[in-house]
Amino acid sequence: MYTVEIYKLDGRIKKTRSNPNGERLVFKKDYDTDNLSTLENTVKTTLRPKERYEIHETYVTRKSLMGGKEFQERYDTPYYCSPSSETYWCS
């Protein structure tokens, strides 16, 4: 399973250290496929000028901080919401 994110250049967005190109996220969708090359070709052919894409594996394997047990979570889970972080367990 993969997730496609498409970013577009936007003159209204300030260029910062975390966003050096001044882009904004315009599209994010999960695709249930195992064929990365086909997905990449599809995205490339439908991409407009001034747009950039990223393809991520939707789920990543991490290790819980407390029990050491491995688990699957989305790649975009905030650090403080992940059982693999100290901030998750300290409240």
N, C-alpha and C. Protein backbone atom coordinates (compact mmCIF):
# COMPACT_ATOMS: atom_id res chain seq x y z
N MET A 1 0.84 -1.17 0.00
CA MET A 1 0.00 0.00 0.00
C MET A 1 0.90 1.24 0.00
N TYR A 2 0.55 2.20 -0.85
CA TYR A 2 1.33 3.42 -0.98
C TYR A 2 0.44 4.65 -0.85
N THR A 3 1.04 5.76 -0.44
CA THR A 3 0.34 7.03 -0.36
C THR A 3 1.04 8.03 -1.27
N VAL A 4 0.26 8.73 -2.09
CA VAL A 4 0.80 9.74 -3.00
C VAL A 4 0.46 11.11 -2.44
N GLU A 5 1.47 11.97 -2.36
CA GLU A 5 1.28 13.36 -1.96
C GLU A 5 1.73 14.24 -3.12
N ILE A 6 0.89 15.20 -3.50
CA ILE A 6 1.24 16.13 -4.58
C ILE A 6 1.31 17.54 -3.99
N TYR A 7 2.43 18.21 -4.26
CA TYR A 7 2.67 19.56 -3.78
C TYR A 7 2.71 20.51 -4.97
N LYS A 8 2.25 21.74 -4.73
CA LYS A 8 2.20 22.75 -5.78
C LYS A 8 2.92 24.00 -5.30
N LEU A 9 3.67 24.64 -6.20
CA LEU A 9 4.29 25.91 -5.87
C LEU A 9 3.20 26.94 -5.65
N ASP A 10 3.34 27.72 -4.60
CA ASP A 10 2.33 28.71 -4.27
C ASP A 10 3.02 29.99 -3.81
N GLY A 11 2.80 31.07 -4.52
CA GLY A 11 3.44 32.34 -4.20
C GLY A 11 2.97 32.94 -2.88
N ARG A 12 1.84 32.46 -2.37
CA ARG A 12 1.32 32.98 -1.10
C ARG A 12 1.99 32.34 0.11
N ILE A 13 2.71 31.24 -0.12
CA ILE A 13 3.36 30.51 0.97
C ILE A 13 4.77 31.06 1.16
N LYS A 14 5.11 31.38 2.40
CA LYS A 14 6.45 31.86 2.70
C LYS A 14 7.45 30.72 2.61
N LYS A 15 8.63 31.04 2.12
CA LYS A 15 9.70 30.06 2.11
C LYS A 15 10.35 30.05 3.49
N THR A 16 10.33 28.90 4.13
CA THR A 16 10.91 28.75 5.46
C THR A 16 11.90 27.60 5.45
N ARG A 17 12.52 27.37 6.59
CA ARG A 17 13.47 26.27 6.69
C ARG A 17 12.77 24.92 6.49
N SER A 18 11.56 24.78 7.02
CA SER A 18 10.84 23.52 6.86
C SER A 18 10.15 23.40 5.50
N ASN A 19 9.96 24.53 4.80
CA ASN A 19 9.34 24.54 3.47
C ASN A 19 10.15 25.46 2.56
N PRO A 20 11.35 25.01 2.14
CA PRO A 20 12.25 25.90 1.39
C PRO A 20 11.77 26.28 0.00
N ASN A 21 10.81 25.55 -0.56
CA ASN A 21 10.35 25.83 -1.92
C ASN A 21 9.07 26.64 -1.96
N GLY A 22 8.42 26.87 -0.82
CA GLY A 22 7.16 27.59 -0.81
C GLY A 22 6.03 26.79 -1.45
N GLU A 23 5.93 25.51 -1.08
CA GLU A 23 4.92 24.63 -1.65
C GLU A 23 3.81 24.36 -0.64
N ARG A 24 2.67 23.93 -1.18
CA ARG A 24 1.59 23.50 -0.31
C ARG A 24 1.05 22.16 -0.80
N LEU A 25 0.58 21.36 0.13
CA LEU A 25 0.01 20.06 -0.19
C LEU A 25 -1.36 20.26 -0.82
N VAL A 26 -1.56 19.72 -2.03
CA VAL A 26 -2.85 19.88 -2.71
C VAL A 26 -3.60 18.56 -2.86
N PHE A 27 -2.92 17.43 -2.69
CA PHE A 27 -3.57 16.14 -2.91
C PHE A 27 -2.84 15.07 -2.11
N LYS A 28 -3.62 14.21 -1.45
CA LYS A 28 -3.04 13.10 -0.69
C LYS A 28 -4.03 11.94 -0.77
N LYS A 29 -3.57 10.79 -1.26
CA LYS A 29 -4.46 9.65 -1.44
C LYS A 29 -3.70 8.35 -1.25
N ASP A 30 -4.37 7.38 -0.63
CA ASP A 30 -3.82 6.04 -0.44
C ASP A 30 -4.22 5.14 -1.62
N TYR A 31 -3.27 4.33 -2.08
CA TYR A 31 -3.52 3.39 -3.17
C TYR A 31 -3.15 1.99 -2.69
N ASP A 32 -4.08 1.06 -2.88
CA ASP A 32 -3.86 -0.32 -2.47
C ASP A 32 -3.26 -1.10 -3.64
N THR A 33 -1.96 -0.94 -3.83
CA THR A 33 -1.26 -1.61 -4.93
C THR A 33 0.12 -2.02 -4.46
N ASP A 34 0.66 -3.05 -5.09
CA ASP A 34 2.02 -3.48 -4.79
C ASP A 34 3.00 -3.07 -5.88
N ASN A 35 2.48 -2.56 -7.00
CA ASN A 35 3.31 -2.22 -8.14
C ASN A 35 3.66 -0.73 -8.11
N LEU A 36 4.82 -0.43 -7.56
CA LEU A 36 5.26 0.96 -7.40
C LEU A 36 5.54 1.62 -8.74
N SER A 37 6.12 0.91 -9.68
CA SER A 37 6.48 1.52 -10.97
C SER A 37 5.24 1.95 -11.76
N THR A 38 4.18 1.16 -11.74
CA THR A 38 2.94 1.54 -12.42
C THR A 38 2.32 2.77 -11.77
N LEU A 39 2.31 2.80 -10.46
CA LEU A 39 1.77 3.95 -9.74
C LEU A 39 2.58 5.21 -10.05
N GLU A 40 3.90 5.07 -10.07
CA GLU A 40 4.76 6.21 -10.36
C GLU A 40 4.54 6.74 -11.78
N ASN A 41 4.42 5.84 -12.74
CA ASN A 41 4.16 6.26 -14.13
C ASN A 41 2.81 6.96 -14.25
N THR A 42 1.79 6.47 -13.56
CA THR A 42 0.48 7.09 -13.59
C THR A 42 0.53 8.50 -13.02
N VAL A 43 1.22 8.67 -11.91
CA VAL A 43 1.33 9.98 -11.28
C VAL A 43 2.10 10.94 -12.19
N LYS A 44 3.19 10.48 -12.79
CA LYS A 44 4.00 11.34 -13.67
C LYS A 44 3.20 11.84 -14.87
N THR A 45 2.35 10.99 -15.44
CA THR A 45 1.60 11.38 -16.64
C THR A 45 0.45 12.34 -16.31
N THR A 46 -0.05 12.31 -15.09
CA THR A 46 -1.16 13.19 -14.72
C THR A 46 -0.70 14.46 -14.00
N LEU A 47 0.59 14.58 -13.74
CA LEU A 47 1.12 15.73 -13.01
C LEU A 47 1.11 16.98 -13.88
N ARG A 48 0.74 18.09 -13.28
CA ARG A 48 0.73 19.38 -13.98
C ARG A 48 2.07 20.07 -13.78
N PRO A 49 2.35 21.09 -14.62
CA PRO A 49 3.57 21.87 -14.40
C PRO A 49 3.54 22.54 -13.02
N LYS A 50 4.68 22.76 -12.46
CA LYS A 50 4.84 23.38 -11.14
C LYS A 50 4.31 22.51 -10.00
N GLU A 51 4.16 21.21 -10.25
CA GLU A 51 3.76 20.29 -9.19
C GLU A 51 4.86 19.27 -8.97
N ARG A 52 4.95 18.81 -7.74
CA ARG A 52 5.95 17.81 -7.35
C ARG A 52 5.22 16.72 -6.57
N TYR A 53 5.67 15.49 -6.70
CA TYR A 53 5.00 14.41 -5.99
C TYR A 53 5.99 13.64 -5.11
N GLU A 54 5.43 12.99 -4.10
CA GLU A 54 6.18 12.07 -3.24
C GLU A 54 5.31 10.83 -3.07
N ILE A 55 5.95 9.67 -3.12
CA ILE A 55 5.24 8.42 -2.88
C ILE A 55 5.87 7.78 -1.64
N HIS A 56 5.03 7.44 -0.66
CA HIS A 56 5.48 6.84 0.59
C HIS A 56 4.81 5.48 0.78
N GLU A 57 5.51 4.56 1.44
CA GLU A 57 4.84 3.36 1.91
C GLU A 57 3.91 3.81 3.03
N THR A 58 2.65 3.40 2.97
CA THR A 58 1.65 3.92 3.90
C THR A 58 1.93 3.49 5.34
N TYR A 59 2.34 2.26 5.55
CA TYR A 59 2.60 1.77 6.90
C TYR A 59 4.07 1.42 7.08
N VAL A 60 4.61 1.81 8.22
CA VAL A 60 5.99 1.50 8.57
C VAL A 60 5.99 0.69 9.86
N THR A 61 7.04 -0.10 10.03
CA THR A 61 7.18 -0.92 11.24
C THR A 61 8.06 -0.18 12.23
N ARG A 62 7.55 -0.05 13.45
CA ARG A 62 8.30 0.59 14.52
C ARG A 62 8.26 -0.29 15.74
N LYS A 63 9.09 0.06 16.72
CA LYS A 63 9.18 -0.71 17.95
C LYS A 63 8.66 0.12 19.11
N SER A 64 7.78 -0.46 19.92
CA SER A 64 7.22 0.25 21.06
C SER A 64 8.31 0.53 22.09
N LEU A 65 8.28 1.70 22.66
CA LEU A 65 9.29 2.10 23.64
C LEU A 65 9.15 1.32 24.94
N MET A 66 7.93 1.02 25.34
CA MET A 66 7.72 0.36 26.63
C MET A 66 7.93 -1.14 26.58
N GLY A 67 7.33 -1.81 25.63
CA GLY A 67 7.41 -3.27 25.61
C GLY A 67 8.42 -3.81 24.63
N GLY A 68 8.88 -2.99 23.71
CA GLY A 68 9.81 -3.46 22.69
C GLY A 68 9.14 -4.25 21.58
N LYS A 69 7.81 -4.29 21.60
CA LYS A 69 7.05 -5.05 20.61
C LYS A 69 6.96 -4.24 19.31
N GLU A 70 7.11 -4.90 18.17
CA GLU A 70 7.00 -4.23 16.88
C GLU A 70 5.53 -4.05 16.51
N PHE A 71 5.23 -2.93 15.85
CA PHE A 71 3.87 -2.65 15.41
C PHE A 71 3.93 -1.84 14.13
N GLN A 72 2.79 -1.78 13.43
CA GLN A 72 2.67 -1.03 12.18
C GLN A 72 1.90 0.26 12.46
N GLU A 73 2.39 1.38 11.90
CA GLU A 73 1.66 2.63 11.99
C GLU A 73 1.88 3.42 10.70
N ARG A 74 1.00 4.40 10.45
CA ARG A 74 1.12 5.22 9.25
C ARG A 74 2.41 6.02 9.28
N TYR A 75 2.97 6.26 8.13
CA TYR A 75 4.23 7.01 8.02
C TYR A 75 4.09 8.44 8.52
N ASP A 76 2.88 9.01 8.45
CA ASP A 76 2.68 10.40 8.82
C ASP A 76 2.13 10.59 10.23
N THR A 77 2.24 9.57 11.07
CA THR A 77 1.81 9.70 12.46
C THR A 77 2.74 10.67 13.18
N PRO A 78 2.16 11.68 13.84
CA PRO A 78 3.03 12.62 14.57
C PRO A 78 3.84 11.90 15.64
N TYR A 79 5.03 12.38 15.89
CA TYR A 79 5.94 11.73 16.84
C TYR A 79 5.31 11.55 18.21
N TYR A 80 4.62 12.57 18.69
CA TYR A 80 4.06 12.52 20.04
C TYR A 80 2.86 11.58 20.14
N CYS A 81 2.31 11.11 19.02
CA CYS A 81 1.19 10.17 19.02
C CYS A 81 1.63 8.73 18.81
N SER A 82 2.92 8.50 18.67
CA SER A 82 3.44 7.18 18.37
C SER A 82 3.93 6.48 19.64
N PRO A 83 3.53 5.22 19.85
CA PRO A 83 4.02 4.47 21.01
C PRO A 83 5.54 4.24 20.98
N SER A 84 6.19 4.58 19.86
CA SER A 84 7.64 4.44 19.79
C SER A 84 8.37 5.66 20.35
N SER A 85 7.61 6.66 20.84
CA SER A 85 8.23 7.88 21.37
C SER A 85 8.02 8.00 22.88
N GLU A 86 8.92 8.72 23.50
CA GLU A 86 8.82 8.93 24.94
C GLU A 86 7.64 9.84 25.29
N THR A 87 7.36 10.81 24.44
CA THR A 87 6.28 11.75 24.73
C THR A 87 4.91 11.08 24.75
N TYR A 88 4.76 9.98 24.04
CA TYR A 88 3.50 9.23 24.04
C TYR A 88 3.22 8.65 25.43
N TRP A 89 4.26 8.17 26.09
CA TRP A 89 4.11 7.48 27.36
C TRP A 89 4.17 8.43 28.55
N CYS A 90 4.64 9.63 28.39
CA CYS A 90 4.74 10.60 29.50
C CYS A 90 3.61 11.61 29.41
N SER A 91 2.64 11.48 30.27
CA SER A 91 1.56 12.48 30.26
C SER A 91 1.07 12.76 31.66
